[in-house]
Amino acid sequence: MSDYFHPKLLTVKAQPDWRLRTTWSTGEVLEVDVEKILRKTAVLRHLLDPTVFAQARLAPLGLGVEWFDTELAADNLYALGQEQAGKVSHQLFDSWIQRNDLSLTTAAAALGISRRMTSYYRTAQKPIPRAIWLACLGWEATRPAADVLPRSLPGVRRRAAGNH
């Protein structure tokens, strides 16, 4: 099984300003800013106390980061770290599939890739290439019918009128 399938968190170290320096089984080191999550989630707000936040530690089996009785899941932390590093996370890819009401098969057909590769991207087994994400955004902007590819993007007026 690939290291990209549910990456395991290997180390975590609390940094100033509610950042976590994380090392993953994929070899990536990601600094993840969790301040926004802490501020918007009531049960996590107590972690905004710098002395509490500084006590972050690795959860058993690398499944997350924990503070006493509070935990951030590794899967979500990994996705957030990737997005903050300018990469496309498996969660963004899955959101694109859900938002457009696609199955793995129809998503694969829309992107011109195999169903298996679509599944790999959706489950973080493989990193999502920038070109694939740009194809997702292009497909969403044009919503081409079946096998007919558009020759241009719809203009602002056409999109506003809903005739795309």
C-alpha atoms as a PDB file:
ATOM      1  CA  MET A   1       0.000   0.000   0.000  1.00  0.00           C
ATOM      2  CA  SER A   2       1.260   3.454  -0.896  1.00  0.00           C
ATOM      3  CA  ASP A   3       2.374   5.939   1.757  1.00  0.00           C
ATOM      4  CA  TYR A   4      -0.168   8.346   0.290  1.00  0.00           C
ATOM      5  CA  PHE A   5      -3.081   6.227   1.525  1.00  0.00           C
ATOM      6  CA  HIS A   6      -4.091   7.810   4.803  1.00  0.00           C
ATOM      7  CA  PRO A   7      -0.662   9.285   5.512  1.00  0.00           C
ATOM      8  CA  LYS A   8       0.552   8.582   9.007  1.00  0.00           C
ATOM      9  CA  LEU A   9       1.625  11.451  11.193  1.00  0.00           C
ATOM     10  CA  LEU A  10       5.146  10.711  12.450  1.00  0.00           C
ATOM     11  CA  THR A  11       5.988  13.802  14.488  1.00  0.00           C
ATOM     12  CA  VAL A  12       4.301  16.984  15.637  1.00  0.00           C
ATOM     13  CA  LYS A  13       5.681  20.071  17.330  1.00  0.00           C
ATOM     14  CA  ALA A  14       3.674  23.088  18.421  1.00  0.00           C
ATOM     15  CA  GLN A  15       4.995  26.362  16.993  1.00  0.00           C
ATOM     16  CA  PRO A  16       4.139  29.967  17.883  1.00  0.00           C
ATOM     17  CA  ASP A  17       0.916  31.476  16.510  1.00  0.00           C
ATOM     18  CA  TRP A  18      -1.036  28.215  16.560  1.00  0.00           C
ATOM     19  CA  ARG A  19       1.017  26.408  13.958  1.00  0.00           C
ATOM     20  CA  LEU A  20       1.945  22.747  14.028  1.00  0.00           C
ATOM     21  CA  ARG A  21       5.114  21.459  12.397  1.00  0.00           C
ATOM     22  CA  THR A  22       4.194  17.985  11.160  1.00  0.00           C
ATOM     23  CA  THR A  23       6.201  15.170   9.579  1.00  0.00           C
ATOM     24  CA  TRP A  24       4.357  12.525   7.559  1.00  0.00           C
ATOM     25  CA  SER A  25       4.969   8.984   6.350  1.00  0.00           C
ATOM     26  CA  THR A  26       4.998  10.431   2.804  1.00  0.00           C
ATOM     27  CA  GLY A  27       8.254  12.236   3.647  1.00  0.00           C
ATOM     28  CA  GLU A  28       6.523  15.617   3.689  1.00  0.00           C
ATOM     29  CA  VAL A  29       7.092  18.170   6.417  1.00  0.00           C
ATOM     30  CA  LEU A  30       4.123  20.517   6.599  1.00  0.00           C
ATOM     31  CA  GLU A  31       3.653  23.513   8.840  1.00  0.00           C
ATOM     32  CA  VAL A  32      -0.074  23.760   9.454  1.00  0.00           C
ATOM     33  CA  ASP A  33      -1.787  26.906  10.716  1.00  0.00           C
ATOM     34  CA  VAL A  34      -4.743  25.722  12.820  1.00  0.00           C
ATOM     35  CA  GLU A  35      -5.748  29.069  14.326  1.00  0.00           C
ATOM     36  CA  LYS A  36      -8.857  29.490  12.159  1.00  0.00           C
ATOM     37  CA  ILE A  37     -10.129  26.029  13.105  1.00  0.00           C
ATOM     38  CA  LEU A  38      -9.504  26.686  16.790  1.00  0.00           C
ATOM     39  CA  ARG A  39     -11.329  30.010  16.685  1.00  0.00           C
ATOM     40  CA  LYS A  40     -14.397  28.753  14.806  1.00  0.00           C
ATOM     41  CA  THR A  41     -14.873  25.470  16.704  1.00  0.00           C
ATOM     42  CA  ALA A  42     -16.206  26.041  20.221  1.00  0.00           C
ATOM     43  CA  VAL A  43     -14.843  22.798  21.700  1.00  0.00           C
ATOM     44  CA  LEU A  44     -11.333  23.673  20.473  1.00  0.00           C
ATOM     45  CA  ARG A  45     -11.170  27.293  21.663  1.00  0.00           C
ATOM     46  CA  HIS A  46      -9.401  26.348  24.900  1.00  0.00           C
ATOM     47  CA  LEU A  47      -6.399  25.423  22.713  1.00  0.00           C
ATOM     48  CA  LEU A  48      -5.953  29.144  21.989  1.00  0.00           C
ATOM     49  CA  ASP A  49      -4.258  29.381  25.373  1.00  0.00           C
ATOM     50  CA  PRO A  50      -0.552  29.298  24.356  1.00  0.00           C
ATOM     51  CA  THR A  51       0.436  27.139  27.324  1.00  0.00           C
ATOM     52  CA  VAL A  52      -2.211  24.554  26.440  1.00  0.00           C
ATOM     53  CA  PHE A  53      -1.426  24.647  22.715  1.00  0.00           C
ATOM     54  CA  ALA A  54       2.284  24.108  23.422  1.00  0.00           C
ATOM     55  CA  GLN A  55       1.451  20.702  24.919  1.00  0.00           C
ATOM     56  CA  ALA A  56       0.463  19.214  21.541  1.00  0.00           C
ATOM     57  CA  ARG A  57       1.610  15.629  21.149  1.00  0.00           C
ATOM     58  CA  LEU A  58       1.345  12.803  18.687  1.00  0.00           C
ATOM     59  CA  ALA A  59      -1.768  10.653  19.142  1.00  0.00           C
ATOM     60  CA  PRO A  60      -1.283   6.867  19.300  1.00  0.00           C
ATOM     61  CA  LEU A  61      -0.521   5.241  15.934  1.00  0.00           C
ATOM     62  CA  GLY A  62      -0.030   8.671  14.319  1.00  0.00           C
ATOM     63  CA  LEU A  63      -3.779   9.134  13.921  1.00  0.00           C
ATOM     64  CA  GLY A  64      -3.723  12.790  14.928  1.00  0.00           C
ATOM     65  CA  VAL A  65      -2.537  15.464  17.325  1.00  0.00           C
ATOM     66  CA  GLU A  66      -3.839  15.478  20.852  1.00  0.00           C
ATOM     67  CA  TRP A  67      -4.014  17.721  23.900  1.00  0.00           C
ATOM     68  CA  PHE A  68      -5.336  15.912  26.970  1.00  0.00           C
ATOM     69  CA  ASP A  69      -8.932  15.129  25.890  1.00  0.00           C
ATOM     70  CA  THR A  70      -8.934  17.033  22.567  1.00  0.00           C
ATOM     71  CA  GLU A  71      -7.715  15.770  19.202  1.00  0.00           C
ATOM     72  CA  LEU A  72      -7.291  16.902  15.593  1.00  0.00           C
ATOM     73  CA  ALA A  73      -7.484  14.017  13.135  1.00  0.00           C
ATOM     74  CA  ALA A  74      -4.413  13.346  10.999  1.00  0.00           C
ATOM     75  CA  ASP A  75      -6.439  13.049   7.776  1.00  0.00           C
ATOM     76  CA  ASN A  76      -7.902  16.543   8.124  1.00  0.00           C
ATOM     77  CA  LEU A  77      -4.604  17.993   9.324  1.00  0.00           C
ATOM     78  CA  TYR A  78      -2.793  16.512   6.325  1.00  0.00           C
ATOM     79  CA  ALA A  79      -5.330  17.954   3.875  1.00  0.00           C
ATOM     80  CA  LEU A  80      -5.170  21.375   5.518  1.00  0.00           C
ATOM     81  CA  GLY A  81      -1.369  21.319   5.472  1.00  0.00           C
ATOM     82  CA  GLN A  82      -1.291  20.423   1.800  1.00  0.00           C
ATOM     83  CA  GLU A  83      -3.727  23.183   0.908  1.00  0.00           C
ATOM     84  CA  GLN A  84      -1.757  25.741   2.919  1.00  0.00           C
ATOM     85  CA  ALA A  85       1.389  24.599   1.077  1.00  0.00           C
ATOM     86  CA  GLY A  86      -0.327  25.376  -2.247  1.00  0.00           C
ATOM     87  CA  LYS A  87      -1.130  21.761  -3.143  1.00  0.00           C
ATOM     88  CA  VAL A  88      -4.450  20.131  -3.907  1.00  0.00           C
ATOM     89  CA  SER A  89      -5.707  17.879  -1.145  1.00  0.00           C
ATOM     90  CA  HIS A  90      -7.773  14.759  -1.514  1.00  0.00           C
ATOM     91  CA  GLN A  91     -10.525  16.584   0.364  1.00  0.00           C
ATOM     92  CA  LEU A  92     -10.629  19.376  -2.256  1.00  0.00           C
ATOM     93  CA  PHE A  93     -10.806  16.741  -4.987  1.00  0.00           C
ATOM     94  CA  ASP A  94     -13.594  14.882  -3.193  1.00  0.00           C
ATOM     95  CA  SER A  95     -15.483  18.160  -2.698  1.00  0.00           C
ATOM     96  CA  TRP A  96     -15.272  18.785  -6.460  1.00  0.00           C
ATOM     97  CA  ILE A  97     -16.738  15.336  -7.125  1.00  0.00           C
ATOM     98  CA  GLN A  98     -19.552  15.836  -4.588  1.00  0.00           C
ATOM     99  CA  ARG A  99     -20.302  19.433  -5.637  1.00  0.00           C
ATOM    100  CA  ASN A 100     -20.750  18.331  -9.238  1.00  0.00           C
ATOM    101  CA  ASP A 101     -22.735  15.195  -8.340  1.00  0.00           C
ATOM    102  CA  LEU A 102     -20.234  12.905 -10.054  1.00  0.00           C
ATOM    103  CA  SER A 103     -19.441   9.267  -9.436  1.00  0.00           C
ATOM    104  CA  LEU A 104     -15.884   7.943  -9.696  1.00  0.00           C
ATOM    105  CA  THR A 105     -16.737   6.745 -13.208  1.00  0.00           C
ATOM    106  CA  THR A 106     -18.205  10.048 -14.407  1.00  0.00           C
ATOM    107  CA  ALA A 107     -15.428  12.052 -12.747  1.00  0.00           C
ATOM    108  CA  ALA A 108     -12.849   9.875 -14.519  1.00  0.00           C
ATOM    109  CA  ALA A 109     -14.612  10.362 -17.856  1.00  0.00           C
ATOM    110  CA  ALA A 110     -14.821  14.134 -17.279  1.00  0.00           C
ATOM    111  CA  LEU A 111     -11.066  14.312 -16.660  1.00  0.00           C
ATOM    112  CA  GLY A 112     -10.015  11.759 -19.275  1.00  0.00           C
ATOM    113  CA  ILE A 113      -8.318   9.510 -16.701  1.00  0.00           C
ATOM    114  CA  SER A 114      -8.975   6.031 -15.372  1.00  0.00           C
ATOM    115  CA  ARG A 115     -11.506   5.326 -12.645  1.00  0.00           C
ATOM    116  CA  ARG A 116      -8.707   3.783 -10.586  1.00  0.00           C
ATOM    117  CA  MET A 117      -6.590   6.958 -10.768  1.00  0.00           C
ATOM    118  CA  THR A 118      -9.654   8.999  -9.783  1.00  0.00           C
ATOM    119  CA  SER A 119     -10.050   6.741  -6.749  1.00  0.00           C
ATOM    120  CA  TYR A 120      -6.354   7.127  -5.885  1.00  0.00           C
ATOM    121  CA  TYR A 121      -6.690  10.925  -5.929  1.00  0.00           C
ATOM    122  CA  ARG A 122      -9.878  10.861  -3.882  1.00  0.00           C
ATOM    123  CA  THR A 123      -8.352   8.695  -1.143  1.00  0.00           C
ATOM    124  CA  ALA A 124      -4.921  10.387  -1.047  1.00  0.00           C
ATOM    125  CA  GLN A 125      -3.170   7.295  -2.412  1.00  0.00           C
ATOM    126  CA  LYS A 126      -1.561   9.467  -5.083  1.00  0.00           C
ATOM    127  CA  PRO A 127      -0.775  13.184  -5.060  1.00  0.00           C
ATOM    128  CA  ILE A 128      -3.049  15.220  -7.310  1.00  0.00           C
ATOM    129  CA  PRO A 129      -1.132  16.873 -10.143  1.00  0.00           C
ATOM    130  CA  ARG A 130      -1.737  20.559 -10.738  1.00  0.00           C
ATOM    131  CA  ALA A 131      -2.921  19.796 -14.290  1.00  0.00           C
ATOM    132  CA  ILE A 132      -5.643  17.495 -12.953  1.00  0.00           C
ATOM    133  CA  TRP A 133      -6.902  20.151 -10.545  1.00  0.00           C
ATOM    134  CA  LEU A 134      -6.903  22.739 -13.333  1.00  0.00           C
ATOM    135  CA  ALA A 135      -8.883  20.246 -15.451  1.00  0.00           C
ATOM    136  CA  CYS A 136     -11.396  19.911 -12.600  1.00  0.00           C
ATOM    137  CA  LEU A 137     -11.839  23.669 -12.454  1.00  0.00           C
ATOM    138  CA  GLY A 138     -12.086  23.927 -16.246  1.00  0.00           C
ATOM    139  CA  TRP A 139     -14.664  21.151 -16.406  1.00  0.00           C
ATOM    140  CA  GLU A 140     -16.699  22.828 -13.684  1.00  0.00           C
ATOM    141  CA  ALA A 141     -16.560  26.177 -15.507  1.00  0.00           C
ATOM    142  CA  THR A 142     -17.707  24.724 -18.835  1.00  0.00           C
ATOM    143  CA  ARG A 143     -19.698  21.605 -17.895  1.00  0.00           C
ATOM    144  CA  PRO A 144     -19.181  20.007 -21.302  1.00  0.00           C
ATOM    145  CA  ALA A 145     -21.819  17.598 -22.569  1.00  0.00           C
ATOM    146  CA  ALA A 146     -20.737  13.958 -22.919  1.00  0.00           C
ATOM    147  CA  ASP A 147     -17.641  13.691 -25.120  1.00  0.00           C
ATOM    148  CA  VAL A 148     -17.890  17.187 -26.635  1.00  0.00           C
ATOM    149  CA  LEU A 149     -15.132  19.463 -25.394  1.00  0.00           C
ATOM    150  CA  PRO A 150     -15.742  23.223 -25.447  1.00  0.00           C
ATOM    151  CA  ARG A 151     -13.565  25.436 -27.584  1.00  0.00           C
ATOM    152  CA  SER A 152     -13.680  28.323 -25.092  1.00  0.00           C
ATOM    153  CA  LEU A 153     -14.876  29.269 -21.642  1.00  0.00           C
ATOM    154  CA  PRO A 154     -18.354  30.741 -21.364  1.00  0.00           C
ATOM    155  CA  GLY A 155     -18.385  34.514 -21.118  1.00  0.00           C
ATOM    156  CA  VAL A 156     -19.571  36.380 -18.049  1.00  0.00           C
ATOM    157  CA  ARG A 157     -22.936  37.264 -19.633  1.00  0.00           C
ATOM    158  CA  ARG A 158     -23.601  33.688 -20.708  1.00  0.00           C
ATOM    159  CA  ARG A 159     -22.741  32.365 -17.231  1.00  0.00           C
ATOM    160  CA  ALA A 160     -24.871  35.045 -15.544  1.00  0.00           C
ATOM    161  CA  ALA A 161     -27.794  34.079 -17.763  1.00  0.00           C
ATOM    162  CA  GLY A 162     -27.274  30.435 -16.844  1.00  0.00           C
ATOM    163  CA  ASN A 163     -26.751  29.411 -20.475  1.00  0.00           C
ATOM    164  CA  HIS A 164     -23.552  27.508 -20.038  1.00  0.00           C
END
